[in-house]
């Protein structure tokens, strides 16, 4: 898998992992992957360009196609989403949300 960080210092978008670690080494084009997964090529293009996330449906298809556990794709997406949410709203959440007080 892609070991680097994204430009925000977090995990890379799952689409870049799909492209760099699965598609490129195997010589699979966006068009071929879309045909083989039975999805619109636009979906694959948006995912690999970091414009769209990997849904459960797509994770199931990728898992079947590459012989991987769909959970891998979902975890990559969840890690990326959580990092991006922390960047966009983390400080506000820390400021506005009160911690649960310990119950005696």
PDB file of N, CA and C in Angstrom:
ATOM      1  N   UNK A   1       0.826  -1.187   0.000  1.00  0.00           N
ATOM      2  CA  UNK A   1       0.000   0.000   0.000  1.00  0.00           C
ATOM      3  C   UNK A   1       0.873   1.254   0.000  1.00  0.00           C
ATOM      4  N   UNK A   2       0.273   2.361  -0.390  1.00  0.00           N
ATOM      5  CA  UNK A   2       0.979   3.632  -0.410  1.00  0.00           C
ATOM      6  C   UNK A   2       1.368   3.985   1.014  1.00  0.00           C
ATOM      7  N   UNK A   3       2.648   4.230   1.222  1.00  0.00           N
ATOM      8  CA  UNK A   3       3.141   4.461   2.568  1.00  0.00           C
ATOM      9  C   UNK A   3       3.176   5.936   2.932  1.00  0.00           C
ATOM     10  N   UNK A   4       3.141   6.812   1.947  1.00  0.00           N
ATOM     11  CA  UNK A   4       3.263   8.236   2.208  1.00  0.00           C
ATOM     12  C   UNK A   4       2.013   8.840   2.810  1.00  0.00           C
ATOM     13  N   UNK A   5       2.137  10.099   3.102  1.00  0.00           N
ATOM     14  CA  UNK A   5       1.026  10.871   3.637  1.00  0.00           C
ATOM     15  C   UNK A   5       0.489  11.757   2.521  1.00  0.00           C
ATOM     16  N   UNK A   6      -0.751  12.234   2.707  1.00  0.00           N
ATOM     17  CA  UNK A   6      -1.277  13.182   1.745  1.00  0.00           C
ATOM     18  C   UNK A   6      -0.697  14.559   2.048  1.00  0.00           C
ATOM     19  N   UNK A   7      -1.096  15.565   1.285  1.00  0.00           N
ATOM     20  CA  UNK A   7      -0.543  16.910   1.470  1.00  0.00           C
ATOM     21  C   UNK A   7      -0.899  17.506   2.822  1.00  0.00           C
ATOM     22  N   UNK A   8      -1.913  16.960   3.499  1.00  0.00           N
ATOM     23  CA  UNK A   8      -2.310  17.428   4.823  1.00  0.00           C
ATOM     24  C   UNK A   8      -1.645  16.629   5.936  1.00  0.00           C
ATOM     25  N   UNK A   9      -0.727  15.753   5.589  1.00  0.00           N
ATOM     26  CA  UNK A   9      -0.031  14.963   6.594  1.00  0.00           C
ATOM     27  C   UNK A   9      -0.799  13.756   7.079  1.00  0.00           C
ATOM     28  N   UNK A  10      -1.883  13.443   6.431  1.00  0.00           N
ATOM     29  CA  UNK A  10      -2.704  12.308   6.840  1.00  0.00           C
ATOM     30  C   UNK A  10      -2.616  11.165   5.859  1.00  0.00           C
ATOM     31  N   UNK A  11      -3.509  10.207   6.014  1.00  0.00           N
ATOM     32  CA  UNK A  11      -3.500   9.062   5.105  1.00  0.00           C
ATOM     33  C   UNK A  11      -3.854   9.489   3.683  1.00  0.00           C
ATOM     34  N   UNK A  12      -3.304   8.817   2.694  1.00  0.00           N
ATOM     35  CA  UNK A  12      -3.638   9.156   1.310  1.00  0.00           C
ATOM     36  C   UNK A  12      -5.082   8.786   0.997  1.00  0.00           C
ATOM     37  N   UNK A  13      -5.636   9.457  -0.001  1.00  0.00           N
ATOM     38  CA  UNK A  13      -6.989   9.121  -0.454  1.00  0.00           C
ATOM     39  C   UNK A  13      -6.974   7.677  -0.960  1.00  0.00           C
ATOM     40  N   UNK A  14      -8.004   6.902  -0.641  1.00  0.00           N
ATOM     41  CA  UNK A  14      -8.041   5.508  -1.103  1.00  0.00           C
ATOM     42  C   UNK A  14      -7.935   5.369  -2.620  1.00  0.00           C
ATOM     43  N   UNK A  15      -8.397   6.382  -3.339  1.00  0.00           N
ATOM     44  CA  UNK A  15      -8.289   6.340  -4.791  1.00  0.00           C
ATOM     45  C   UNK A  15      -6.852   6.344  -5.272  1.00  0.00           C
ATOM     46  N   UNK A  16      -5.976   7.058  -4.563  1.00  0.00           N
ATOM     47  CA  UNK A  16      -4.565   7.050  -4.962  1.00  0.00           C
ATOM     48  C   UNK A  16      -3.936   5.696  -4.665  1.00  0.00           C
ATOM     49  N   UNK A  17      -4.381   5.054  -3.602  1.00  0.00           N
ATOM     50  CA  UNK A  17      -3.900   3.704  -3.296  1.00  0.00           C
ATOM     51  C   UNK A  17      -4.375   2.732  -4.372  1.00  0.00           C
ATOM     52  N   UNK A  18      -5.644   2.837  -4.731  1.00  0.00           N
ATOM     53  CA  UNK A  18      -6.195   1.992  -5.791  1.00  0.00           C
ATOM     54  C   UNK A  18      -5.386   2.154  -7.076  1.00  0.00           C
ATOM     55  N   UNK A  19      -5.134   3.387  -7.446  1.00  0.00           N
ATOM     56  CA  UNK A  19      -4.421   3.662  -8.691  1.00  0.00           C
ATOM     57  C   UNK A  19      -2.962   3.209  -8.636  1.00  0.00           C
ATOM     58  N   UNK A  20      -2.244   3.618  -7.589  1.00  0.00           N
ATOM     59  CA  UNK A  20      -0.798   3.375  -7.524  1.00  0.00           C
ATOM     60  C   UNK A  20      -0.422   1.953  -7.127  1.00  0.00           C
ATOM     61  N   UNK A  21      -1.221   1.351  -6.268  1.00  0.00           N
ATOM     62  CA  UNK A  21      -0.845   0.044  -5.721  1.00  0.00           C
ATOM     63  C   UNK A  21      -1.580  -1.138  -6.348  1.00  0.00           C
ATOM     64  N   UNK A  22      -2.672  -0.864  -7.031  1.00  0.00           N
ATOM     65  CA  UNK A  22      -3.432  -1.964  -7.628  1.00  0.00           C
ATOM     66  C   UNK A  22      -3.498  -1.850  -9.148  1.00  0.00           C
ATOM     67  N   UNK A  23      -3.937  -0.715  -9.640  1.00  0.00           N
ATOM     68  CA  UNK A  23      -4.149  -0.583 -11.073  1.00  0.00           C
ATOM     69  C   UNK A  23      -2.843  -0.470 -11.863  1.00  0.00           C
ATOM     70  N   UNK A  24      -1.995   0.478 -11.495  1.00  0.00           N
ATOM     71  CA  UNK A  24      -0.745   0.679 -12.257  1.00  0.00           C
ATOM     72  C   UNK A  24       0.129  -0.569 -12.314  1.00  0.00           C
ATOM     73  N   UNK A  25       0.406  -1.226 -11.183  1.00  0.00           N
ATOM     74  CA  UNK A  25       1.282  -2.408 -11.257  1.00  0.00           C
ATOM     75  C   UNK A  25       0.728  -3.530 -12.136  1.00  0.00           C
ATOM     76  N   UNK A  26      -0.595  -3.602 -12.226  1.00  0.00           N
ATOM     77  CA  UNK A  26      -1.217  -4.666 -13.016  1.00  0.00           C
ATOM     78  C   UNK A  26      -1.578  -4.218 -14.429  1.00  0.00           C
ATOM     79  N   UNK A  27      -1.301  -2.957 -14.749  1.00  0.00           N
ATOM     80  CA  UNK A  27      -1.607  -2.445 -16.081  1.00  0.00           C
ATOM     81  C   UNK A  27      -3.095  -2.323 -16.355  1.00  0.00           C
ATOM     82  N   UNK A  28      -3.866  -2.019 -15.331  1.00  0.00           N
ATOM     83  CA  UNK A  28      -5.322  -1.914 -15.470  1.00  0.00           C
ATOM     84  C   UNK A  28      -5.696  -0.447 -15.662  1.00  0.00           C
ATOM     85  N   UNK A  29      -6.420  -0.158 -16.726  1.00  0.00           N
ATOM     86  CA  UNK A  29      -6.872   1.209 -16.989  1.00  0.00           C
ATOM     87  C   UNK A  29      -8.168   1.484 -16.229  1.00  0.00           C
ATOM     88  N   UNK A  30      -8.518   2.747 -16.143  1.00  0.00           N
ATOM     89  CA  UNK A  30      -9.793   3.123 -15.521  1.00  0.00           C
ATOM     90  C   UNK A  30     -10.961   2.493 -16.282  1.00  0.00           C
ATOM     91  N   UNK A  31     -10.867   2.532 -17.603  1.00  0.00           N
ATOM     92  CA  UNK A  31     -11.939   1.956 -18.419  1.00  0.00           C
ATOM     93  C   UNK A  31     -12.081   0.457 -18.180  1.00  0.00           C
ATOM     94  N   UNK A  32     -10.960  -0.241 -18.147  1.00  0.00           N
ATOM     95  CA  UNK A  32     -11.019  -1.686 -17.924  1.00  0.00           C
ATOM     96  C   UNK A  32     -11.596  -1.999 -16.551  1.00  0.00           C
ATOM     97  N   UNK A  33     -11.130  -1.285 -15.525  1.00  0.00           N
ATOM     98  CA  UNK A  33     -11.631  -1.545 -14.179  1.00  0.00           C
ATOM     99  C   UNK A  33     -13.128  -1.270 -14.100  1.00  0.00           C
ATOM    100  N   UNK A  34     -13.566  -0.180 -14.697  1.00  0.00           N
ATOM    101  CA  UNK A  34     -14.994   0.146 -14.692  1.00  0.00           C
ATOM    102  C   UNK A  34     -15.806  -0.952 -15.374  1.00  0.00           C
ATOM    103  N   UNK A  35     -15.337  -1.409 -16.519  1.00  0.00           N
ATOM    104  CA  UNK A  35     -16.043  -2.492 -17.225  1.00  0.00           C
ATOM    105  C   UNK A  35     -16.096  -3.750 -16.372  1.00  0.00           C
ATOM    106  N   UNK A  36     -14.952  -4.119 -15.804  1.00  0.00           N
ATOM    107  CA  UNK A  36     -14.878  -5.358 -15.029  1.00  0.00           C
ATOM    108  C   UNK A  36     -15.681  -5.289 -13.731  1.00  0.00           C
ATOM    109  N   UNK A  37     -15.782  -4.088 -13.147  1.00  0.00           N
ATOM    110  CA  UNK A  37     -16.579  -3.925 -11.921  1.00  0.00           C
ATOM    111  C   UNK A  37     -18.053  -3.686 -12.220  1.00  0.00           C
ATOM    112  N   UNK A  38     -18.369  -3.439 -13.497  1.00  0.00           N
ATOM    113  CA  UNK A  38     -19.730  -3.120 -13.925  1.00  0.00           C
ATOM    114  C   UNK A  38     -20.228  -1.829 -13.266  1.00  0.00           C
ATOM    115  N   UNK A  39     -19.377  -0.792 -13.369  1.00  0.00           N
ATOM    116  CA  UNK A  39     -19.731   0.537 -12.860  1.00  0.00           C
ATOM    117  C   UNK A  39     -19.377   1.565 -13.931  1.00  0.00           C
ATOM    118  N   UNK A  40     -19.947   2.764 -13.843  1.00  0.00           N
ATOM    119  CA  UNK A  40     -19.581   3.809 -14.802  1.00  0.00           C
ATOM    120  C   UNK A  40     -18.111   4.202 -14.655  1.00  0.00           C
ATOM    121  N   UNK A  41     -17.461   4.483 -15.775  1.00  0.00           N
ATOM    122  CA  UNK A  41     -16.053   4.876 -15.738  1.00  0.00           C
ATOM    123  C   UNK A  41     -15.879   6.162 -14.940  1.00  0.00           C
ATOM    124  N   UNK A  42     -16.894   7.010 -14.940  1.00  0.00           N
ATOM    125  CA  UNK A  42     -16.833   8.247 -14.163  1.00  0.00           C
ATOM    126  C   UNK A  42     -16.622   7.986 -12.684  1.00  0.00           C
ATOM    127  N   UNK A  43     -17.214   6.917 -12.180  1.00  0.00           N
ATOM    128  CA  UNK A  43     -17.039   6.573 -10.768  1.00  0.00           C
ATOM    129  C   UNK A  43     -15.570   6.261 -10.482  1.00  0.00           C
ATOM    130  N   UNK A  44     -14.966   5.454 -11.339  1.00  0.00           N
ATOM    131  CA  UNK A  44     -13.566   5.081 -11.136  1.00  0.00           C
ATOM    132  C   UNK A  44     -12.663   6.297 -11.303  1.00  0.00           C
ATOM    133  N   UNK A  45     -12.942   7.127 -12.296  1.00  0.00           N
ATOM    134  CA  UNK A  45     -12.143   8.337 -12.504  1.00  0.00           C
ATOM    135  C   UNK A  45     -12.214   9.260 -11.297  1.00  0.00           C
ATOM    136  N   UNK A  46     -13.418   9.460 -10.771  1.00  0.00           N
ATOM    137  CA  UNK A  46     -13.578  10.335  -9.610  1.00  0.00           C
ATOM    138  C   UNK A  46     -12.870   9.762  -8.381  1.00  0.00           C
ATOM    139  N   UNK A  47     -12.957   8.459  -8.193  1.00  0.00           N
ATOM    140  CA  UNK A  47     -12.277   7.827  -7.051  1.00  0.00           C
ATOM    141  C   UNK A  47     -10.768   7.977  -7.191  1.00  0.00           C
ATOM    142  N   UNK A  48     -10.233   7.634  -8.350  1.00  0.00           N
ATOM    143  CA  UNK A  48      -8.777   7.670  -8.526  1.00  0.00           C
ATOM    144  C   UNK A  48      -8.224   9.090  -8.578  1.00  0.00           C
ATOM    145  N   UNK A  49      -9.080  10.066  -8.834  1.00  0.00           N
ATOM    146  CA  UNK A  49      -8.664  11.470  -8.803  1.00  0.00           C
ATOM    147  C   UNK A  49      -8.913  12.117  -7.439  1.00  0.00           C
ATOM    148  N   UNK A  50      -9.378  11.330  -6.471  1.00  0.00           N
ATOM    149  CA  UNK A  50      -9.600  11.847  -5.127  1.00  0.00           C
ATOM    150  C   UNK A  50     -10.822  12.721  -4.985  1.00  0.00           C
ATOM    151  N   UNK A  51     -11.741  12.642  -5.938  1.00  0.00           N
ATOM    152  CA  UNK A  51     -12.946  13.475  -5.922  1.00  0.00           C
ATOM    153  C   UNK A  51     -14.155  12.751  -5.345  1.00  0.00           C
ATOM    154  N   UNK A  52     -14.018  11.463  -5.126  1.00  0.00           N
ATOM    155  CA  UNK A  52     -15.134  10.645  -4.651  1.00  0.00           C
ATOM    156  C   UNK A  52     -14.575   9.565  -3.745  1.00  0.00           C
ATOM    157  N   UNK A  53     -15.352   9.212  -2.738  1.00  0.00           N
ATOM    158  CA  UNK A  53     -14.935   8.168  -1.822  1.00  0.00           C
ATOM    159  C   UNK A  53     -15.327   6.785  -2.315  1.00  0.00           C
ATOM    160  N   UNK A  54     -14.795   5.788  -1.642  1.00  0.00           N
ATOM    161  CA  UNK A  54     -15.141   4.399  -1.929  1.00  0.00           C
ATOM    162  C   UNK A  54     -16.324   4.022  -1.048  1.00  0.00           C
ATOM    163  N   UNK A  55     -17.434   3.695  -1.688  1.00  0.00           N
ATOM    164  CA  UNK A  55     -18.642   3.294  -0.969  1.00  0.00           C
ATOM    165  C   UNK A  55     -18.583   1.803  -0.648  1.00  0.00           C
ATOM    166  N   UNK A  56     -19.525   1.356   0.165  1.00  0.00           N
ATOM    167  CA  UNK A  56     -19.599  -0.071   0.484  1.00  0.00           C
ATOM    168  C   UNK A  56     -19.796  -0.892  -0.790  1.00  0.00           C
ATOM    169  N   UNK A  57     -20.625  -0.402  -1.696  1.00  0.00           N
ATOM    170  CA  UNK A  57     -20.861  -1.099  -2.959  1.00  0.00           C
ATOM    171  C   UNK A  57     -19.561  -1.247  -3.748  1.00  0.00           C
ATOM    172  N   UNK A  58     -18.825  -0.155  -3.852  1.00  0.00           N
ATOM    173  CA  UNK A  58     -17.561  -0.203  -4.583  1.00  0.00           C
ATOM    174  C   UNK A  58     -16.550  -1.086  -3.868  1.00  0.00           C
ATOM    175  N   UNK A  59     -16.523  -1.031  -2.541  1.00  0.00           N
ATOM    176  CA  UNK A  59     -15.603  -1.883  -1.771  1.00  0.00           C
ATOM    177  C   UNK A  59     -15.888  -3.358  -2.027  1.00  0.00           C
ATOM    178  N   UNK A  60     -17.155  -3.727  -2.092  1.00  0.00           N
ATOM    179  CA  UNK A  60     -17.514  -5.117  -2.388  1.00  0.00           C
ATOM    180  C   UNK A  60     -17.007  -5.521  -3.770  1.00  0.00           C
ATOM    181  N   UNK A  61     -17.183  -4.629  -4.730  1.00  0.00           N
ATOM    182  CA  UNK A  61     -16.745  -4.910  -6.101  1.00  0.00           C
ATOM    183  C   UNK A  61     -15.219  -5.013  -6.187  1.00  0.00           C
ATOM    184  N   UNK A  62     -14.522  -4.082  -5.529  1.00  0.00           N
ATOM    185  CA  UNK A  62     -13.055  -4.120  -5.528  1.00  0.00           C
ATOM    186  C   UNK A  62     -12.536  -5.366  -4.827  1.00  0.00           C
ATOM    187  N   UNK A  63     -13.174  -5.732  -3.734  1.00  0.00           N
ATOM    188  CA  UNK A  63     -12.780  -6.939  -3.016  1.00  0.00           C
ATOM    189  C   UNK A  63     -12.919  -8.177  -3.884  1.00  0.00           C
ATOM    190  N   UNK A  64     -14.031  -8.275  -4.560  1.00  0.00           N
ATOM    191  CA  UNK A  64     -14.270  -9.414  -5.458  1.00  0.00           C
ATOM    192  C   UNK A  64     -13.241  -9.436  -6.587  1.00  0.00           C
ATOM    193  N   UNK A  65     -13.017  -8.281  -7.177  1.00  0.00           N
ATOM    194  CA  UNK A  65     -12.133  -8.173  -8.338  1.00  0.00           C
ATOM    195  C   UNK A  65     -10.681  -8.501  -7.993  1.00  0.00           C
ATOM    196  N   UNK A  66     -10.177  -7.895  -6.933  1.00  0.00           N
ATOM    197  CA  UNK A  66      -8.767  -8.069  -6.569  1.00  0.00           C
ATOM    198  C   UNK A  66      -8.523  -9.225  -5.609  1.00  0.00           C
ATOM    199  N   UNK A  67      -9.591  -9.885  -5.164  1.00  0.00           N
ATOM    200  CA  UNK A  67      -9.436 -10.988  -4.224  1.00  0.00           C
ATOM    201  C   UNK A  67      -9.008 -10.516  -2.843  1.00  0.00           C
ATOM    202  N   UNK A  68      -9.484  -9.329  -2.474  1.00  0.00           N
ATOM    203  CA  UNK A  68      -9.164  -8.760  -1.165  1.00  0.00           C
ATOM    204  C   UNK A  68     -10.429  -8.678  -0.324  1.00  0.00           C
ATOM    205  N   UNK A  69     -10.245  -8.446   0.952  1.00  0.00           N
ATOM    206  CA  UNK A  69     -11.379  -8.258   1.842  1.00  0.00           C
ATOM    207  C   UNK A  69     -11.932  -6.848   1.616  1.00  0.00           C
ATOM    208  N   UNK A  70     -13.231  -6.701   1.367  1.00  0.00           N
ATOM    209  CA  UNK A  70     -13.810  -5.366   1.169  1.00  0.00           C
ATOM    210  C   UNK A  70     -13.573  -4.437   2.355  1.00  0.00           C
ATOM    211  N   UNK A  71     -13.395  -5.022   3.544  1.00  0.00           N
ATOM    212  CA  UNK A  71     -13.134  -4.210   4.740  1.00  0.00           C
ATOM    213  C   UNK A  71     -11.883  -3.352   4.582  1.00  0.00           C
ATOM    214  N   UNK A  72     -10.914  -3.836   3.841  1.00  0.00           N
ATOM    215  CA  UNK A  72      -9.683  -3.063   3.628  1.00  0.00           C
ATOM    216  C   UNK A  72     -10.013  -1.728   2.977  1.00  0.00           C
ATOM    217  N   UNK A  73     -10.822  -1.779   1.932  1.00  0.00           N
ATOM    218  CA  UNK A  73     -11.178  -0.560   1.208  1.00  0.00           C
ATOM    219  C   UNK A  73     -12.005   0.375   2.083  1.00  0.00           C
ATOM    220  N   UNK A  74     -12.899  -0.194   2.884  1.00  0.00           N
ATOM    221  CA  UNK A  74     -13.726   0.632   3.766  1.00  0.00           C
ATOM    222  C   UNK A  74     -12.886   1.272   4.868  1.00  0.00           C
ATOM    223  N   UNK A  75     -11.924   0.537   5.408  1.00  0.00           N
ATOM    224  CA  UNK A  75     -11.048   1.100   6.451  1.00  0.00           C
ATOM    225  C   UNK A  75     -10.199   2.243   5.892  1.00  0.00           C
ATOM    226  N   UNK A  76      -9.674   2.053   4.696  1.00  0.00           N
ATOM    227  CA  UNK A  76      -8.897   3.128   4.075  1.00  0.00           C
ATOM    228  C   UNK A  76      -9.744   4.385   3.922  1.00  0.00           C
ATOM    229  N   UNK A  77     -10.992   4.210   3.498  1.00  0.00           N
ATOM    230  CA  UNK A  77     -11.882   5.355   3.315  1.00  0.00           C
ATOM    231  C   UNK A  77     -12.221   5.993   4.656  1.00  0.00           C
ATOM    232  N   UNK A  78     -12.508   5.175   5.660  1.00  0.00           N
ATOM    233  CA  UNK A  78     -12.855   5.706   6.984  1.00  0.00           C
ATOM    234  C   UNK A  78     -11.687   6.485   7.590  1.00  0.00           C
ATOM    235  N   UNK A  79     -10.469   5.969   7.462  1.00  0.00           N
ATOM    236  CA  UNK A  79      -9.287   6.671   7.985  1.00  0.00           C
ATOM    237  C   UNK A  79      -9.110   8.018   7.298  1.00  0.00           C
ATOM    238  N   UNK A  80      -9.297   8.032   5.990  1.00  0.00           N
ATOM    239  CA  UNK A  80      -9.167   9.280   5.237  1.00  0.00           C
ATOM    240  C   UNK A  80     -10.264  10.265   5.644  1.00  0.00           C
ATOM    241  N   UNK A  81     -11.504   9.780   5.721  1.00  0.00           N
ATOM    242  CA  UNK A  81     -12.631  10.650   6.081  1.00  0.00           C
ATOM    243  C   UNK A  81     -12.454  11.246   7.470  1.00  0.00           C
ATOM    244  N   UNK A  82     -12.020  10.439   8.420  1.00  0.00           N
ATOM    245  CA  UNK A  82     -11.820  10.921   9.783  1.00  0.00           C
ATOM    246  C   UNK A  82     -10.724  11.990   9.821  1.00  0.00           C
ATOM    247  N   UNK A  83      -9.651  11.761   9.105  1.00  0.00           N
ATOM    248  CA  UNK A  83      -8.576  12.756   9.051  1.00  0.00           C
ATOM    249  C   UNK A  83      -9.087  14.070   8.456  1.00  0.00           C
ATOM    250  N   UNK A  84      -9.821  13.993   7.364  1.00  0.00           N
ATOM    251  CA  UNK A  84     -10.328  15.203   6.724  1.00  0.00           C
ATOM    252  C   UNK A  84     -11.344  15.916   7.615  1.00  0.00           C
ATOM    253  N   UNK A  85     -12.183  15.169   8.324  1.00  0.00           N
ATOM    254  CA  UNK A  85     -13.140  15.783   9.252  1.00  0.00           C
ATOM    255  C   UNK A  85     -12.403  16.491  10.379  1.00  0.00           C
ATOM    256  N   UNK A  86     -11.333  15.895  10.853  1.00  0.00           N
ATOM    257  CA  UNK A  86     -10.547  16.516  11.916  1.00  0.00           C
ATOM    258  C   UNK A  86      -9.931  17.831  11.437  1.00  0.00           C
ATOM    259  N   UNK A  87      -9.484  17.854  10.202  1.00  0.00           N
ATOM    260  CA  UNK A  87      -8.924  19.088   9.636  1.00  0.00           C
ATOM    261  C   UNK A  87     -10.000  20.160   9.523  1.00  0.00           C
ATOM    262  N   UNK A  88     -11.167  19.789   9.013  1.00  0.00           N
ATOM    263  CA  UNK A  88     -12.196  20.789   8.739  1.00  0.00           C
ATOM    264  C   UNK A  88     -12.995  21.201   9.971  1.00  0.00           C
ATOM    265  N   UNK A  89     -13.197  20.301  10.925  1.00  0.00           N
ATOM    266  CA  UNK A  89     -14.073  20.630  12.052  1.00  0.00           C
ATOM    267  C   UNK A  89     -13.521  20.239  13.412  1.00  0.00           C
ATOM    268  N   UNK A  90     -12.359  19.645  13.455  1.00  0.00           N
ATOM    269  CA  UNK A  90     -11.824  19.138  14.714  1.00  0.00           C
ATOM    270  C   UNK A  90     -11.700  20.183  15.799  1.00  0.00           C
ATOM    271  N   UNK A  91     -11.139  21.350  15.472  1.00  0.00           N
ATOM    272  CA  UNK A  91     -10.950  22.399  16.474  1.00  0.00           C
ATOM    273  C   UNK A  91     -12.288  22.900  17.000  1.00  0.00           C
ATOM    274  N   UNK A  92     -13.251  23.074  16.108  1.00  0.00           N
ATOM    275  CA  UNK A  92     -14.576  23.541  16.528  1.00  0.00           C
ATOM    276  C   UNK A  92     -15.256  22.508  17.420  1.00  0.00           C
ATOM    277  N   UNK A  93     -15.114  21.249  17.078  1.00  0.00           N
ATOM    278  CA  UNK A  93     -15.718  20.191  17.891  1.00  0.00           C
ATOM    279  C   UNK A  93     -15.100  20.178  19.279  1.00  0.00           C
ATOM    280  N   UNK A  94     -13.789  20.284  19.355  1.00  0.00           N
ATOM    281  CA  UNK A  94     -13.114  20.306  20.657  1.00  0.00           C
ATOM    282  C   UNK A  94     -13.611  21.485  21.488  1.00  0.00           C
ATOM    283  N   UNK A  95     -13.791  22.618  20.840  1.00  0.00           N
ATOM    284  CA  UNK A  95     -14.229  23.826  21.534  1.00  0.00           C
ATOM    285  C   UNK A  95     -15.688  23.743  21.987  1.00  0.00           C
ATOM    286  N   UNK A  96     -16.561  23.157  21.179  1.00  0.00           N
ATOM    287  CA  UNK A  96     -17.999  23.223  21.440  1.00  0.00           C
ATOM    288  C   UNK A  96     -18.584  22.020  22.158  1.00  0.00           C
ATOM    289  N   UNK A  97     -17.963  20.864  22.035  1.00  0.00           N
ATOM    290  CA  UNK A  97     -18.534  19.650  22.629  1.00  0.00           C
ATOM    291  C   UNK A  97     -17.949  19.445  24.021  1.00  0.00           C
ATOM    292  N   UNK A  98     -18.849  19.298  24.980  1.00  0.00           N
ATOM    293  CA  UNK A  98     -18.418  19.068  26.361  1.00  0.00           C
ATOM    294  C   UNK A  98     -18.136  17.594  26.574  1.00  0.00           C
ATOM    295  N   UNK A  99     -17.121  17.307  27.372  1.00  0.00           N
ATOM    296  CA  UNK A  99     -16.816  15.922  27.723  1.00  0.00           C
ATOM    297  C   UNK A  99     -17.813  15.439  28.766  1.00  0.00           C
ATOM    298  N   UNK A 100     -18.078  14.157  28.744  1.00  0.00           N
ATOM    299  CA  UNK A 100     -18.920  13.535  29.751  1.00  0.00           C
ATOM    300  C   UNK A 100     -18.229  13.638  31.099  1.00  0.00           C
ATOM    301  N   UNK A 101     -18.975  14.116  32.078  1.00  0.00           N
ATOM    302  CA  UNK A 101     -18.416  14.203  33.429  1.00  0.00           C
ATOM    303  C   UNK A 101     -18.474  12.835  34.070  1.00  0.00           C
ATOM    304  N   UNK A 102     -17.449  12.540  34.832  1.00  0.00           N
ATOM    305  CA  UNK A 102     -17.402  11.242  35.505  1.00  0.00           C
ATOM    306  C   UNK A 102     -18.553  11.129  36.488  1.00  0.00           C
ATOM    307  N   UNK A 103     -19.182   9.973  36.473  1.00  0.00           N
ATOM    308  CA  UNK A 103     -20.286   9.695  37.385  1.00  0.00           C
ATOM    309  C   UNK A 103     -19.712   9.003  38.609  1.00  0.00           C
ATOM    310  N   UNK A 104     -20.079   9.523  39.785  1.00  0.00           N
ATOM    311  CA  UNK A 104     -19.545   8.947  41.033  1.00  0.00           C
ATOM    312  C   UNK A 104     -20.444   7.876  41.564  1.00  0.00           C
TER     313      UNK A 104
END
